[in-house]
C-alpha atoms as a PDB file:
ATOM      1  CA  UNK A   1       6.507 -10.692   9.133  1.00  0.00           C
ATOM      2  CA  UNK A   2       7.582 -13.505   6.846  1.00  0.00           C
ATOM      3  CA  UNK A   3      10.755 -13.638   4.790  1.00  0.00           C
ATOM      4  CA  UNK A   4       9.305 -12.428   1.485  1.00  0.00           C
ATOM      5  CA  UNK A   5      11.693 -10.212  -0.457  1.00  0.00           C
ATOM      6  CA  UNK A   6      10.025  -7.584  -2.596  1.00  0.00           C
ATOM      7  CA  UNK A   7      11.418  -7.744  -6.117  1.00  0.00           C
ATOM      8  CA  UNK A   8      11.487  -5.190  -8.908  1.00  0.00           C
ATOM      9  CA  UNK A   9       9.029  -7.394 -10.827  1.00  0.00           C
ATOM     10  CA  UNK A  10       6.567  -7.246  -7.926  1.00  0.00           C
ATOM     11  CA  UNK A  11       6.853  -3.459  -7.808  1.00  0.00           C
ATOM     12  CA  UNK A  12       6.366  -3.251 -11.585  1.00  0.00           C
ATOM     13  CA  UNK A  13       3.278  -5.455 -11.256  1.00  0.00           C
ATOM     14  CA  UNK A  14       2.024  -3.102  -8.553  1.00  0.00           C
ATOM     15  CA  UNK A  15       2.403  -0.157 -10.873  1.00  0.00           C
ATOM     16  CA  UNK A  16       0.242  -1.990 -13.425  1.00  0.00           C
ATOM     17  CA  UNK A  17      -2.372  -2.666 -10.737  1.00  0.00           C
ATOM     18  CA  UNK A  18      -1.835  -6.444 -10.703  1.00  0.00           C
ATOM     19  CA  UNK A  19       0.083  -6.624  -7.457  1.00  0.00           C
ATOM     20  CA  UNK A  20       0.262  -9.369  -4.921  1.00  0.00           C
ATOM     21  CA  UNK A  21       2.371  -7.626  -2.294  1.00  0.00           C
ATOM     22  CA  UNK A  22       1.051  -9.610   0.629  1.00  0.00           C
ATOM     23  CA  UNK A  23       3.406  -9.219   3.645  1.00  0.00           C
ATOM     24  CA  UNK A  24       5.864  -7.207   1.504  1.00  0.00           C
ATOM     25  CA  UNK A  25       8.420  -4.964   3.208  1.00  0.00           C
ATOM     26  CA  UNK A  26       7.798  -1.585   1.581  1.00  0.00           C
ATOM     27  CA  UNK A  27       9.019   0.602   4.453  1.00  0.00           C
ATOM     28  CA  UNK A  28       9.853   4.063   3.159  1.00  0.00           C
ATOM     29  CA  UNK A  29       9.074   3.146  -0.474  1.00  0.00           C
ATOM     30  CA  UNK A  30       8.087   5.941  -2.834  1.00  0.00           C
ATOM     31  CA  UNK A  31       4.896   4.708  -4.507  1.00  0.00           C
ATOM     32  CA  UNK A  32       3.426   8.168  -5.100  1.00  0.00           C
ATOM     33  CA  UNK A  33       1.055   8.484  -8.062  1.00  0.00           C
ATOM     34  CA  UNK A  34       1.251   4.713  -8.724  1.00  0.00           C
ATOM     35  CA  UNK A  35      -1.628   2.443  -9.683  1.00  0.00           C
ATOM     36  CA  UNK A  36      -2.160   0.022  -6.815  1.00  0.00           C
ATOM     37  CA  UNK A  37      -5.821  -0.548  -7.657  1.00  0.00           C
ATOM     38  CA  UNK A  38      -7.023  -3.928  -6.378  1.00  0.00           C
ATOM     39  CA  UNK A  39      -3.525  -4.688  -5.009  1.00  0.00           C
ATOM     40  CA  UNK A  40      -3.209  -7.323  -2.318  1.00  0.00           C
ATOM     41  CA  UNK A  41      -1.350  -5.418   0.394  1.00  0.00           C
ATOM     42  CA  UNK A  42      -2.510  -7.656   3.244  1.00  0.00           C
ATOM     43  CA  UNK A  43       0.028  -7.428   6.060  1.00  0.00           C
ATOM     44  CA  UNK A  44       2.398  -5.253   3.995  1.00  0.00           C
ATOM     45  CA  UNK A  45       4.703  -2.939   5.934  1.00  0.00           C
ATOM     46  CA  UNK A  46       4.122   0.470   4.355  1.00  0.00           C
ATOM     47  CA  UNK A  47       5.371   2.438   7.355  1.00  0.00           C
ATOM     48  CA  UNK A  48       6.864   5.725   6.235  1.00  0.00           C
ATOM     49  CA  UNK A  49       5.958   4.997   2.603  1.00  0.00           C
ATOM     50  CA  UNK A  50       5.083   7.826   0.234  1.00  0.00           C
ATOM     51  CA  UNK A  51       1.697   7.071  -1.309  1.00  0.00           C
ATOM     52  CA  UNK A  52       0.720  10.618  -2.320  1.00  0.00           C
ATOM     53  CA  UNK A  53      -1.892  10.496  -5.057  1.00  0.00           C
ATOM     54  CA  UNK A  54      -1.620   6.703  -5.378  1.00  0.00           C
ATOM     55  CA  UNK A  55      -4.666   4.762  -6.557  1.00  0.00           C
ATOM     56  CA  UNK A  56      -5.413   2.294  -3.750  1.00  0.00           C
ATOM     57  CA  UNK A  57      -9.056   1.851  -4.731  1.00  0.00           C
ATOM     58  CA  UNK A  58     -10.324  -1.639  -3.982  1.00  0.00           C
ATOM     59  CA  UNK A  59      -6.915  -2.612  -2.528  1.00  0.00           C
ATOM     60  CA  UNK A  60      -6.844  -5.080   0.381  1.00  0.00           C
ATOM     61  CA  UNK A  61      -5.135  -3.314   3.279  1.00  0.00           C
ATOM     62  CA  UNK A  62      -5.950  -5.921   5.938  1.00  0.00           C
ATOM     63  CA  UNK A  63      -3.272  -5.935   8.654  1.00  0.00           C
ATOM     64  CA  UNK A  64      -1.124  -3.476   6.657  1.00  0.00           C
ATOM     65  CA  UNK A  65       1.148  -1.147   8.627  1.00  0.00           C
ATOM     66  CA  UNK A  66       0.564   2.429   7.455  1.00  0.00           C
ATOM     67  CA  UNK A  67       2.176   4.248  10.378  1.00  0.00           C
ATOM     68  CA  UNK A  68       3.687   7.528   9.223  1.00  0.00           C
ATOM     69  CA  UNK A  69       2.781   6.758   5.597  1.00  0.00           C
ATOM     70  CA  UNK A  70       1.919   9.791   3.454  1.00  0.00           C
ATOM     71  CA  UNK A  71      -1.511   9.139   1.952  1.00  0.00           C
ATOM     72  CA  UNK A  72      -2.174  12.740   0.876  1.00  0.00           C
ATOM     73  CA  UNK A  73      -4.500  12.706  -2.110  1.00  0.00           C
ATOM     74  CA  UNK A  74      -4.509   8.895  -2.314  1.00  0.00           C
ATOM     75  CA  UNK A  75      -7.650   7.255  -3.715  1.00  0.00           C
ATOM     76  CA  UNK A  76      -8.908   4.816  -1.071  1.00  0.00           C
ATOM     77  CA  UNK A  77     -12.376   4.370  -2.592  1.00  0.00           C
ATOM     78  CA  UNK A  78     -13.683   0.940  -1.696  1.00  0.00           C
ATOM     79  CA  UNK A  79     -10.325  -0.082  -0.223  1.00  0.00           C
ATOM     80  CA  UNK A  80     -10.835  -3.097   2.003  1.00  0.00           C
ATOM     81  CA  UNK A  81     -10.032  -3.158   5.721  1.00  0.00           C
ATOM     82  CA  UNK A  82      -8.238   0.183   6.050  1.00  0.00           C
ATOM     83  CA  UNK A  83      -6.256  -0.199   9.298  1.00  0.00           C
ATOM     84  CA  UNK A  84      -7.013   2.102  12.240  1.00  0.00           C
ATOM     85  CA  UNK A  85      -3.483   3.516  11.975  1.00  0.00           C
ATOM     86  CA  UNK A  86      -4.474   5.039   8.634  1.00  0.00           C
ATOM     87  CA  UNK A  87      -7.554   6.828   9.988  1.00  0.00           C
ATOM     88  CA  UNK A  88      -5.533   9.674  11.480  1.00  0.00           C
ATOM     89  CA  UNK A  89      -3.378   9.910   8.367  1.00  0.00           C
ATOM     90  CA  UNK A  90      -6.264  10.318   5.951  1.00  0.00           C
ATOM     91  CA  UNK A  91      -8.331  12.476   8.321  1.00  0.00           C
END
């Protein structure tokens, strides 16, 4: 993990679907119902994050950590490189 600090501006960009959250530390974040369409979440730590109903369509999830993340009802249509740890979470 690098030393990137996730800022409020980056989170606000994520909500607008313009996010570059590559390698961001989002452990335990509540991003439920947010628009993360086409977000760059490569390598992001989303462990324990709440992503219920979030739009992750076309997002890049390469190397992202989704352990114990809540993806109930999340839209993962055409999401890129969904990590194996997410397979059990999304069924």
